[in-house]
Amino acid sequence: EKTAENLHQNIGQIPSFSLKLNTTGTFPRGSHPKILWIGNRHIPLPLQQIVLQLNLLFKAYGYPREESRFKPHVTLARVKGEVTKTCIERFIHTEYQPTVLRAKDIIWYESQLSSAGPEYIERMRIPLNMEKGK
């Protein structure tokens, strides 16, 4: 309860923001990617503030800091099996029309994995400050 209150208080003050999706990539990088994504290499200041707040929370609970750099993205596909290098290169080098997403809430999901695939259950929703984010 106290954790949820702290998150609402701290993250709820952060302004809403826009994120332009204009670059593609894979996780992991290299010849055997498992995820294809679209995102942005620039992290808007409000999103940096959210990441900072979450990192402070995780540290307080004893979780180690994530080693990889945060990359805001939307997962487009999960790769199962082998995919040719040509297919991956075509995905990465294709020009896409940029899309802008407006972040109004931060939603905390629990993922439950099953043989049918993951199920995502909303556990907490924190509205961002719409007045500051105009």
Protein backbone atom coordinates (compact mmCIF):
# COMPACT_ATOMS: atom_id res chain seq x y z
CA GLU A 1 0.00 0.00 0.00
CA LYS A 2 2.73 2.47 0.98
CA THR A 3 4.63 1.66 -2.23
CA ALA A 4 1.54 2.31 -4.35
CA GLU A 5 0.94 5.62 -2.54
CA ASN A 6 4.55 6.70 -3.11
CA LEU A 7 4.36 5.81 -6.80
CA HIS A 8 1.09 7.70 -7.25
CA GLN A 9 2.49 10.71 -5.42
CA ASN A 10 5.85 10.84 -7.25
CA ILE A 11 4.95 9.64 -10.74
CA GLY A 12 1.54 11.35 -10.72
CA GLN A 13 3.30 14.74 -10.63
CA ILE A 14 5.24 13.99 -13.83
CA PRO A 15 3.72 15.61 -16.93
CA SER A 16 2.13 13.57 -19.69
CA PHE A 17 4.32 13.41 -22.78
CA SER A 18 4.56 12.33 -26.40
CA LEU A 19 6.91 9.71 -27.78
CA LYS A 20 7.68 9.62 -31.49
CA LEU A 21 8.25 6.09 -32.80
CA ASN A 22 10.72 6.55 -35.65
CA THR A 23 13.48 3.95 -35.38
CA THR A 24 13.61 0.17 -35.41
CA GLY A 25 15.78 -2.38 -33.70
CA THR A 26 16.07 -5.87 -32.27
CA PHE A 27 16.70 -7.46 -28.89
CA PRO A 28 19.27 -8.81 -28.65
CA ARG A 29 21.22 -7.08 -31.38
CA GLY A 30 23.03 -9.42 -33.70
CA SER A 31 22.31 -12.46 -35.79
CA HIS A 32 19.72 -14.18 -33.55
CA PRO A 33 17.19 -11.56 -32.44
CA LYS A 34 14.17 -12.58 -30.38
CA ILE A 35 12.25 -9.28 -30.51
CA LEU A 36 11.62 -6.75 -33.30
CA TRP A 37 10.69 -3.29 -32.04
CA ILE A 38 9.98 0.28 -33.06
CA GLY A 39 10.94 3.12 -30.76
CA ASN A 40 12.99 6.24 -30.31
CA ARG A 41 16.59 6.70 -29.25
CA HIS A 42 15.69 10.04 -27.59
CA ILE A 43 14.07 9.64 -24.17
CA PRO A 44 11.75 12.57 -23.31
CA LEU A 45 12.50 14.21 -19.94
CA PRO A 46 9.23 13.06 -18.30
CA LEU A 47 10.01 9.46 -19.27
CA GLN A 48 13.53 9.83 -17.86
CA GLN A 49 11.94 11.02 -14.60
CA ILE A 50 9.63 7.98 -14.51
CA VAL A 51 12.56 5.61 -15.09
CA LEU A 52 14.49 7.34 -12.29
CA GLN A 53 11.56 7.00 -9.86
CA LEU A 54 11.16 3.30 -10.71
CA ASN A 55 14.90 2.65 -10.36
CA LEU A 56 14.85 4.28 -6.91
CA LEU A 57 11.91 2.08 -5.91
CA PHE A 58 13.57 -1.11 -7.17
CA LYS A 59 16.81 -0.19 -5.39
CA ALA A 60 14.90 0.33 -2.12
CA TYR A 61 13.58 -3.24 -2.47
CA GLY A 62 17.06 -4.63 -3.15
CA TYR A 63 16.77 -5.20 -6.90
CA PRO A 64 19.98 -4.60 -8.85
CA ARG A 65 20.05 -1.82 -11.42
CA GLU A 66 19.31 -2.96 -14.97
CA GLU A 67 22.63 -3.20 -16.82
CA SER A 68 21.31 -2.44 -20.29
CA ARG A 69 20.37 1.12 -21.22
CA PHE A 70 16.64 1.87 -21.21
CA LYS A 71 15.18 2.03 -24.73
CA PRO A 72 11.58 3.21 -25.05
CA HIS A 73 9.94 0.93 -27.60
CA VAL A 74 6.88 -0.98 -28.72
CA THR A 75 7.40 -4.68 -29.39
CA LEU A 76 6.13 -5.48 -32.88
CA ALA A 77 7.02 -9.17 -33.09
CA ARG A 78 8.63 -12.00 -31.19
CA VAL A 79 10.88 -14.24 -33.26
CA LYS A 80 10.52 -17.99 -32.84
CA GLY A 81 12.94 -20.19 -34.70
CA GLU A 82 15.39 -18.98 -37.31
CA VAL A 83 15.00 -15.82 -39.38
CA THR A 84 17.31 -14.94 -42.24
CA LYS A 85 19.77 -12.09 -41.88
CA THR A 86 18.21 -10.53 -45.00
CA CYS A 87 14.78 -10.46 -43.36
CA ILE A 88 16.15 -8.75 -40.24
CA GLU A 89 18.14 -6.22 -42.29
CA ARG A 90 15.06 -5.43 -44.37
CA PHE A 91 13.09 -4.75 -41.19
CA ILE A 92 15.80 -2.51 -39.73
CA HIS A 93 16.53 -0.55 -42.92
CA THR A 94 12.95 0.01 -44.06
CA GLU A 95 11.74 3.59 -43.58
CA TYR A 96 8.51 3.82 -41.63
CA GLN A 97 6.13 6.74 -41.27
CA PRO A 98 6.78 8.08 -37.75
CA THR A 99 3.97 7.53 -35.27
CA VAL A 100 3.45 9.66 -32.17
CA LEU A 101 2.03 8.13 -29.00
CA ARG A 102 0.71 10.24 -26.14
CA ALA A 103 1.46 8.88 -22.65
CA LYS A 104 -1.32 9.77 -20.24
CA ASP A 105 -0.94 6.95 -17.71
CA ILE A 106 1.71 4.61 -16.42
CA ILE A 107 0.28 1.11 -16.13
CA TRP A 108 1.90 -1.65 -14.08
CA TYR A 109 1.18 -5.07 -15.58
CA GLU A 110 1.75 -8.57 -14.29
CA SER A 111 2.54 -11.06 -17.04
CA GLN A 112 1.46 -14.65 -16.57
CA LEU A 113 3.05 -17.04 -19.02
CA SER A 114 1.24 -20.13 -20.26
CA SER A 115 1.42 -22.48 -23.22
CA ALA A 116 -1.19 -20.26 -24.95
CA GLY A 117 1.11 -17.25 -24.61
CA PRO A 118 1.44 -14.42 -22.11
CA GLU A 119 -1.55 -12.89 -20.38
CA TYR A 120 -1.16 -9.32 -19.11
CA ILE A 121 -3.09 -8.30 -16.01
CA GLU A 122 -3.32 -4.63 -15.04
CA ARG A 123 -2.27 -4.19 -11.41
CA MET A 124 -1.95 -0.41 -11.07
CA ARG A 125 -2.65 2.67 -13.16
CA ILE A 126 -1.04 6.03 -12.39
CA PRO A 127 -2.41 9.02 -14.32
CA LEU A 128 0.28 11.48 -15.39
CA ASN A 129 -0.18 15.21 -14.80
CA MET A 130 -2.20 16.40 -17.80
CA GLU A 131 -1.98 20.07 -16.72
CA LYS A 132 1.82 20.10 -16.81
CA GLY A 133 1.97 18.06 -20.00
CA LYS A 134 0.07 20.40 -22.30
